[in-house]
Amino acid sequence: HIIEEQIEKNQSIKDGVFYFNNERFWESHEALEGAWKQCAGYEKELIQGIILVAASLVHYQKYENEICLSVLNRALKKLHDKSGEYHDVNIDSIKQKIVEMLDKKEISTFLI
């Protein structure tokens, strides 16, 4: 049996941001998923959007740019009606980065 470690939501988010900002996108995805499981509604959808950004950049690191752009589109749909700050993460800045990458079809990593 596999036992999943339960980490407090705020710590999971903090860990997810740390991993994201250190280009460890798979670990970011996993840490944020732990927080996502503890949320509902608006917050759950917001975290899912950030998870999708991390997941997209996993594909970028694997040279799968078309998949990355497709997942970024999904992330933007989750974040389209979200704005402001969430645990010191600027949601508007993330959305702006996504839009720029989708418009130019040029992918780059960034800090959150």
Protein backbone atom coordinates (compact mmCIF):
# COMPACT_ATOMS: atom_id res chain seq x y z
CA HIS A 1 0.00 0.00 0.00
CA ILE A 2 1.07 3.53 -0.73
CA ILE A 3 0.44 6.05 2.01
CA GLU A 4 0.30 9.67 0.88
CA GLU A 5 1.88 12.13 3.29
CA GLN A 6 -0.60 14.75 4.52
CA ILE A 7 1.02 18.19 4.55
CA GLU A 8 -0.74 21.30 5.83
CA LYS A 9 -2.27 23.31 2.96
CA ASN A 10 -0.24 26.51 3.49
CA GLN A 11 2.99 24.50 3.61
CA SER A 12 2.04 22.65 0.42
CA ILE A 13 1.47 25.97 -1.34
CA LYS A 14 4.75 27.39 -0.02
CA ASP A 15 6.58 24.25 -1.19
CA GLY A 16 4.85 24.39 -4.58
CA VAL A 17 5.93 28.01 -5.13
CA PHE A 18 9.50 27.20 -4.05
CA TYR A 19 9.73 24.28 -6.47
CA PHE A 20 8.15 26.31 -9.30
CA ASN A 21 10.61 29.17 -8.81
CA ASN A 22 13.49 26.68 -8.90
CA GLU A 23 12.23 25.17 -12.18
CA ARG A 24 11.31 21.90 -10.44
CA PHE A 25 7.92 21.87 -12.09
CA TRP A 26 7.04 18.23 -11.42
CA GLU A 27 7.66 18.69 -7.69
CA SER A 28 5.69 21.96 -7.79
CA HIS A 29 2.77 20.14 -9.40
CA GLU A 30 2.88 17.42 -6.74
CA ALA A 31 3.14 19.85 -3.79
CA LEU A 32 0.30 22.01 -5.09
CA GLU A 33 -1.85 18.94 -5.68
CA GLY A 34 -1.61 18.28 -1.94
CA ALA A 35 -3.08 21.73 -1.28
CA TRP A 36 -5.67 21.30 -4.05
CA LYS A 37 -7.05 18.18 -2.35
CA GLN A 38 -7.78 20.30 0.74
CA CYS A 39 -9.71 23.04 -1.10
CA ALA A 40 -13.10 23.61 -2.68
CA GLY A 41 -14.75 25.98 -5.14
CA TYR A 42 -12.91 29.10 -6.29
CA GLU A 43 -9.71 28.26 -4.43
CA LYS A 44 -9.63 24.71 -5.79
CA GLU A 45 -9.99 25.97 -9.38
CA LEU A 46 -7.32 28.64 -8.82
CA ILE A 47 -4.81 26.09 -7.52
CA GLN A 48 -5.70 23.77 -10.38
CA GLY A 49 -4.83 26.56 -12.82
CA ILE A 50 -1.40 26.99 -11.22
CA ILE A 51 -0.89 23.21 -11.22
CA LEU A 52 -1.62 23.18 -14.96
CA VAL A 53 1.00 25.90 -15.53
CA ALA A 54 3.55 23.77 -13.68
CA ALA A 55 2.47 20.69 -15.65
CA SER A 56 2.80 22.59 -18.93
CA LEU A 57 6.37 23.53 -18.06
CA VAL A 58 7.17 19.88 -17.34
CA HIS A 59 6.31 19.27 -21.01
CA TYR A 60 8.46 22.27 -22.03
CA GLN A 61 11.41 20.73 -20.17
CA LYS A 62 10.81 17.53 -22.15
CA TYR A 63 10.86 19.51 -25.46
CA GLU A 64 7.12 18.88 -25.92
CA ASN A 65 6.23 22.46 -26.82
CA GLU A 66 2.88 21.74 -28.51
CA ILE A 67 1.68 19.85 -25.44
CA CYS A 68 2.98 22.67 -23.24
CA LEU A 69 0.96 25.26 -25.17
CA SER A 70 -2.14 23.07 -25.05
CA VAL A 71 -1.88 22.70 -21.27
CA LEU A 72 -1.27 26.46 -20.91
CA ASN A 73 -4.58 27.00 -22.71
CA ARG A 74 -6.28 24.78 -20.15
CA ALA A 75 -4.56 26.70 -17.32
CA LEU A 76 -5.77 30.02 -18.70
CA LYS A 77 -9.35 28.71 -18.79
CA LYS A 78 -9.10 27.84 -15.08
CA LEU A 79 -7.58 31.23 -14.21
CA HIS A 80 -9.60 33.49 -16.55
CA ASP A 81 -11.86 34.88 -13.81
CA LYS A 82 -9.20 34.86 -11.07
CA SER A 83 -7.07 37.88 -10.12
CA GLY A 84 -5.08 39.46 -7.33
CA GLU A 85 -2.70 37.83 -4.89
CA TYR A 86 -2.92 34.29 -3.57
CA HIS A 87 -0.32 33.35 -0.96
CA ASP A 88 2.01 36.07 -2.35
CA VAL A 89 1.52 34.73 -5.89
CA ASN A 90 0.40 37.37 -8.40
CA ILE A 91 -2.33 35.64 -10.40
CA ASP A 92 -2.61 38.50 -12.91
CA SER A 93 1.10 38.22 -13.67
CA ILE A 94 0.78 34.47 -14.29
CA LYS A 95 -2.13 35.05 -16.65
CA GLN A 96 -0.16 37.75 -18.50
CA LYS A 97 2.80 35.37 -18.96
CA ILE A 98 0.48 32.64 -20.26
CA VAL A 99 -1.20 35.00 -22.74
CA GLU A 100 2.20 36.23 -24.01
CA MET A 101 3.47 32.68 -24.51
CA LEU A 102 0.28 31.59 -26.27
CA ASP A 103 0.26 34.67 -28.53
CA LYS A 104 3.93 34.37 -29.51
CA LYS A 105 4.06 30.56 -29.31
CA GLU A 106 7.34 31.11 -27.44
CA ILE A 107 7.63 29.33 -24.11
CA SER A 108 9.81 30.49 -21.24
CA THR A 109 10.04 29.81 -17.55
CA PHE A 110 9.21 32.53 -15.05
CA LEU A 111 8.90 33.13 -11.33
CA ILE A 112 5.62 33.19 -9.44
